[in-house]
């Protein structure tokens, strides 16, 4: 795949993951309270949100996670929640 096409595919995947993360996070917030780790472990919206974070981190590393947190926070998301949910993503190696 040519470099330009590969970059375009990565950008599309990154923005798709961010859109999905916004949706999943919105569903988590509609629950109206902060979920415990035990509750999060069983929640399908959290699993979806976590998967989105993993995709974002895989594509762009820690900088992409921090950028996603900043973008979502500027739209009204709770930055502490986002940092808790995506703690350590982008800093691990594979």
N, C-alpha and C. Protein backbone atom coordinates (compact mmCIF):
# COMPACT_ATOMS: atom_id res chain seq x y z
N UNK A 1 0.85 -1.18 0.00
CA UNK A 1 0.00 0.00 0.00
C UNK A 1 0.90 1.24 0.00
N UNK A 2 0.64 2.20 -0.87
CA UNK A 2 1.43 3.43 -0.90
C UNK A 2 1.34 4.17 0.43
N UNK A 3 2.39 4.92 0.73
CA UNK A 3 2.47 5.63 2.02
C UNK A 3 1.28 6.55 2.25
N UNK A 4 0.84 7.26 1.22
CA UNK A 4 -0.29 8.19 1.38
C UNK A 4 -1.57 7.44 1.70
N UNK A 5 -1.77 6.30 1.06
CA UNK A 5 -2.96 5.50 1.33
C UNK A 5 -2.91 4.91 2.73
N UNK A 6 -1.72 4.49 3.15
CA UNK A 6 -1.54 3.94 4.50
C UNK A 6 -1.82 5.01 5.55
N UNK A 7 -1.31 6.21 5.34
CA UNK A 7 -1.56 7.32 6.28
C UNK A 7 -3.04 7.65 6.33
N UNK A 8 -3.69 7.69 5.18
CA UNK A 8 -5.13 7.98 5.14
C UNK A 8 -5.92 6.93 5.90
N UNK A 9 -5.54 5.66 5.76
CA UNK A 9 -6.22 4.59 6.48
C UNK A 9 -6.02 4.72 7.98
N UNK A 10 -4.80 5.09 8.41
CA UNK A 10 -4.54 5.28 9.84
C UNK A 10 -5.34 6.46 10.39
N UNK A 11 -5.40 7.56 9.65
CA UNK A 11 -6.19 8.71 10.10
C UNK A 11 -7.66 8.34 10.22
N UNK A 12 -8.18 7.62 9.26
CA UNK A 12 -9.58 7.20 9.31
C UNK A 12 -9.82 6.31 10.52
N UNK A 13 -8.91 5.38 10.79
CA UNK A 13 -9.04 4.50 11.95
C UNK A 13 -8.96 5.29 13.25
N UNK A 14 -8.07 6.27 13.30
CA UNK A 14 -7.92 7.09 14.50
C UNK A 14 -9.19 7.90 14.78
N UNK A 15 -9.70 8.57 13.75
CA UNK A 15 -10.90 9.38 13.94
C UNK A 15 -12.14 8.52 14.20
N UNK A 16 -12.19 7.35 13.61
CA UNK A 16 -13.28 6.43 13.86
C UNK A 16 -13.26 5.97 15.32
N UNK A 17 -12.07 5.66 15.83
CA UNK A 17 -11.94 5.26 17.23
C UNK A 17 -12.34 6.40 18.17
N UNK A 18 -11.99 7.62 17.82
CA UNK A 18 -12.37 8.77 18.65
C UNK A 18 -13.89 8.95 18.65
N UNK A 19 -14.51 8.82 17.47
CA UNK A 19 -15.98 8.92 17.41
C UNK A 19 -16.64 7.83 18.25
N UNK A 20 -16.14 6.62 18.14
CA UNK A 20 -16.70 5.50 18.92
C UNK A 20 -16.48 5.73 20.42
N UNK A 21 -15.31 6.26 20.78
CA UNK A 21 -15.02 6.53 22.19
C UNK A 21 -15.99 7.58 22.75
N UNK A 22 -16.26 8.63 21.98
CA UNK A 22 -17.21 9.65 22.42
C UNK A 22 -18.58 9.04 22.69
N UNK A 23 -19.01 8.17 21.80
CA UNK A 23 -20.32 7.54 21.95
C UNK A 23 -20.36 6.63 23.18
N UNK A 24 -19.35 5.79 23.34
CA UNK A 24 -19.30 4.87 24.48
C UNK A 24 -19.20 5.65 25.79
N UNK A 25 -18.39 6.70 25.81
CA UNK A 25 -18.25 7.51 27.02
C UNK A 25 -19.58 8.20 27.34
N UNK A 26 -20.26 8.70 26.33
CA UNK A 26 -21.57 9.32 26.55
C UNK A 26 -22.54 8.35 27.19
N UNK A 27 -22.52 7.09 26.75
CA UNK A 27 -23.37 6.08 27.36
C UNK A 27 -22.99 5.83 28.81
N UNK A 28 -21.69 5.83 29.10
CA UNK A 28 -21.24 5.66 30.49
C UNK A 28 -21.73 6.82 31.37
N UNK A 29 -21.63 8.02 30.85
CA UNK A 29 -22.05 9.21 31.63
C UNK A 29 -23.56 9.23 31.87
N UNK A 30 -24.32 8.71 30.93
CA UNK A 30 -25.77 8.70 31.10
C UNK A 30 -26.21 7.81 32.26
N UNK A 31 -25.32 6.96 32.72
CA UNK A 31 -25.64 6.11 33.87
C UNK A 31 -25.76 6.96 35.14
N UNK A 32 -25.20 8.18 35.10
CA UNK A 32 -25.44 9.16 36.14
C UNK A 32 -24.59 9.05 37.39
N UNK A 33 -23.66 8.14 37.43
CA UNK A 33 -22.80 8.04 38.60
C UNK A 33 -21.47 7.43 38.19
N UNK A 34 -20.50 7.61 39.03
CA UNK A 34 -19.18 7.05 38.76
C UNK A 34 -19.19 5.56 39.09
N UNK A 35 -18.80 4.74 38.15
CA UNK A 35 -18.83 3.29 38.34
C UNK A 35 -17.56 2.81 39.03
N UNK A 36 -17.72 1.82 39.87
CA UNK A 36 -16.56 1.21 40.51
C UNK A 36 -15.81 0.38 39.47
N UNK A 37 -14.59 -0.01 39.79
CA UNK A 37 -13.83 -0.86 38.88
C UNK A 37 -14.55 -2.17 38.63
N UNK A 38 -15.20 -2.71 39.65
CA UNK A 38 -15.95 -3.97 39.50
C UNK A 38 -17.09 -3.79 38.50
N UNK A 39 -17.81 -2.66 38.60
CA UNK A 39 -18.91 -2.39 37.67
C UNK A 39 -18.39 -2.15 36.26
N UNK A 40 -17.27 -1.42 36.15
CA UNK A 40 -16.69 -1.17 34.84
C UNK A 40 -16.29 -2.47 34.14
N UNK A 41 -15.76 -3.41 34.91
CA UNK A 41 -15.31 -4.68 34.34
C UNK A 41 -16.45 -5.44 33.67
N UNK A 42 -17.67 -5.13 34.05
CA UNK A 42 -18.83 -5.84 33.50
C UNK A 42 -19.63 -5.00 32.50
N UNK A 43 -19.22 -3.77 32.30
CA UNK A 43 -20.02 -2.85 31.50
C UNK A 43 -19.59 -2.86 30.03
N UNK A 44 -20.52 -3.12 29.13
CA UNK A 44 -20.19 -3.20 27.70
C UNK A 44 -19.75 -1.85 27.13
N UNK A 45 -20.30 -0.75 27.65
CA UNK A 45 -19.86 0.57 27.17
C UNK A 45 -18.42 0.84 27.55
N UNK A 46 -18.03 0.43 28.76
CA UNK A 46 -16.64 0.59 29.17
C UNK A 46 -15.72 -0.27 28.31
N UNK A 47 -16.13 -1.50 28.03
CA UNK A 47 -15.31 -2.37 27.18
C UNK A 47 -15.11 -1.73 25.82
N UNK A 48 -16.16 -1.17 25.28
CA UNK A 48 -16.07 -0.49 23.97
C UNK A 48 -15.16 0.73 24.07
N UNK A 49 -15.31 1.52 25.14
CA UNK A 49 -14.48 2.70 25.34
C UNK A 49 -13.01 2.29 25.49
N UNK A 50 -12.75 1.24 26.23
CA UNK A 50 -11.38 0.75 26.43
C UNK A 50 -10.77 0.29 25.11
N UNK A 51 -11.55 -0.44 24.32
CA UNK A 51 -11.07 -0.88 23.00
C UNK A 51 -10.70 0.32 22.12
N UNK A 52 -11.52 1.35 22.17
CA UNK A 52 -11.23 2.57 21.39
C UNK A 52 -9.90 3.17 21.84
N UNK A 53 -9.69 3.23 23.14
CA UNK A 53 -8.43 3.75 23.67
C UNK A 53 -7.25 2.93 23.20
N UNK A 54 -7.42 1.62 23.18
CA UNK A 54 -6.33 0.75 22.71
C UNK A 54 -6.03 1.01 21.24
N UNK A 55 -7.07 1.21 20.42
CA UNK A 55 -6.85 1.51 19.00
C UNK A 55 -6.15 2.84 18.83
N UNK A 56 -6.60 3.85 19.59
CA UNK A 56 -5.98 5.18 19.51
C UNK A 56 -4.52 5.09 19.91
N UNK A 57 -4.23 4.40 21.00
CA UNK A 57 -2.85 4.28 21.48
C UNK A 57 -1.99 3.50 20.50
N UNK A 58 -2.54 2.47 19.90
CA UNK A 58 -1.78 1.67 18.94
C UNK A 58 -1.38 2.52 17.74
N UNK A 59 -2.29 3.35 17.29
CA UNK A 59 -2.02 4.17 16.11
C UNK A 59 -1.07 5.32 16.42
N UNK A 60 -1.33 6.03 17.53
CA UNK A 60 -0.57 7.26 17.79
C UNK A 60 0.14 7.36 19.11
N UNK A 61 0.13 6.30 19.90
CA UNK A 61 0.85 6.29 21.17
C UNK A 61 0.25 7.24 22.21
N UNK A 62 1.07 7.56 23.17
CA UNK A 62 0.64 8.39 24.29
C UNK A 62 0.16 9.77 23.83
N UNK A 63 0.80 10.34 22.83
CA UNK A 63 0.39 11.66 22.33
C UNK A 63 -1.04 11.62 21.81
N UNK A 64 -1.41 10.54 21.14
CA UNK A 64 -2.77 10.42 20.61
C UNK A 64 -3.78 10.27 21.74
N UNK A 65 -3.45 9.50 22.78
CA UNK A 65 -4.34 9.36 23.94
C UNK A 65 -4.53 10.70 24.61
N UNK A 66 -3.43 11.41 24.85
CA UNK A 66 -3.54 12.73 25.49
C UNK A 66 -4.34 13.69 24.63
N UNK A 67 -4.16 13.63 23.32
CA UNK A 67 -4.93 14.47 22.40
C UNK A 67 -6.41 14.13 22.44
N UNK A 68 -6.73 12.86 22.51
CA UNK A 68 -8.13 12.43 22.58
C UNK A 68 -8.75 12.89 23.90
N UNK A 69 -8.01 12.78 24.99
CA UNK A 69 -8.51 13.24 26.29
C UNK A 69 -8.76 14.75 26.25
N UNK A 70 -7.82 15.50 25.69
CA UNK A 70 -8.00 16.96 25.59
C UNK A 70 -9.21 17.30 24.73
N UNK A 71 -9.34 16.62 23.60
CA UNK A 71 -10.46 16.90 22.69
C UNK A 71 -11.79 16.59 23.37
N UNK A 72 -11.88 15.44 24.02
CA UNK A 72 -13.14 15.06 24.66
C UNK A 72 -13.43 15.95 25.87
N UNK A 73 -12.39 16.35 26.59
CA UNK A 73 -12.58 17.25 27.74
C UNK A 73 -13.10 18.61 27.30
N UNK A 74 -12.61 19.08 26.17
CA UNK A 74 -13.05 20.39 25.67
C UNK A 74 -14.52 20.35 25.24
N UNK A 75 -15.03 19.13 25.05
CA UNK A 75 -16.44 18.95 24.66
C UNK A 75 -17.32 18.63 25.87
N UNK A 76 -16.75 18.71 27.08
CA UNK A 76 -17.54 18.50 28.29
C UNK A 76 -17.32 17.19 29.01
N UNK A 77 -16.48 16.33 28.49
CA UNK A 77 -16.19 15.07 29.19
C UNK A 77 -15.37 15.36 30.44
N UNK A 78 -15.52 14.53 31.45
CA UNK A 78 -14.77 14.68 32.70
C UNK A 78 -13.35 14.17 32.49
N UNK A 79 -12.40 15.08 32.55
CA UNK A 79 -11.00 14.72 32.27
C UNK A 79 -10.48 13.69 33.26
N UNK A 80 -10.88 13.78 34.53
CA UNK A 80 -10.44 12.79 35.51
C UNK A 80 -10.93 11.39 35.15
N UNK A 81 -12.18 11.29 34.71
CA UNK A 81 -12.71 9.99 34.28
C UNK A 81 -11.91 9.46 33.10
N UNK A 82 -11.67 10.31 32.11
CA UNK A 82 -10.94 9.86 30.92
C UNK A 82 -9.55 9.38 31.28
N UNK A 83 -8.87 10.11 32.14
CA UNK A 83 -7.52 9.71 32.55
C UNK A 83 -7.56 8.41 33.34
N UNK A 84 -8.58 8.24 34.15
CA UNK A 84 -8.73 6.98 34.91
C UNK A 84 -8.99 5.81 33.96
N UNK A 85 -9.92 6.00 33.03
CA UNK A 85 -10.30 4.91 32.13
C UNK A 85 -9.17 4.53 31.17
N UNK A 86 -8.35 5.50 30.78
CA UNK A 86 -7.28 5.23 29.84
C UNK A 86 -5.90 5.32 30.48
N UNK A 87 -5.83 5.11 31.78
CA UNK A 87 -4.55 5.19 32.51
C UNK A 87 -3.53 4.23 31.91
N UNK A 88 -2.37 4.76 31.60
CA UNK A 88 -1.27 3.92 31.11
C UNK A 88 -1.31 3.60 29.62
N UNK A 89 -2.43 3.89 28.96
CA UNK A 89 -2.48 3.57 27.53
C UNK A 89 -1.53 4.47 26.77
N UNK A 90 -0.84 3.88 25.88
CA UNK A 90 0.12 4.65 25.09
C UNK A 90 1.51 4.62 25.67
N UNK A 91 1.64 4.22 26.93
CA UNK A 91 2.96 4.15 27.54
C UNK A 91 3.53 2.74 27.51
N UNK A 92 2.63 1.75 27.26
CA UNK A 92 3.10 0.37 27.17
C UNK A 92 3.72 0.13 25.81
N UNK A 93 4.50 -0.89 25.74
CA UNK A 93 5.11 -1.26 24.45
C UNK A 93 4.58 -2.62 24.04
N UNK A 94 4.64 -2.90 22.77
CA UNK A 94 4.15 -4.17 22.25
C UNK A 94 5.13 -4.78 21.31
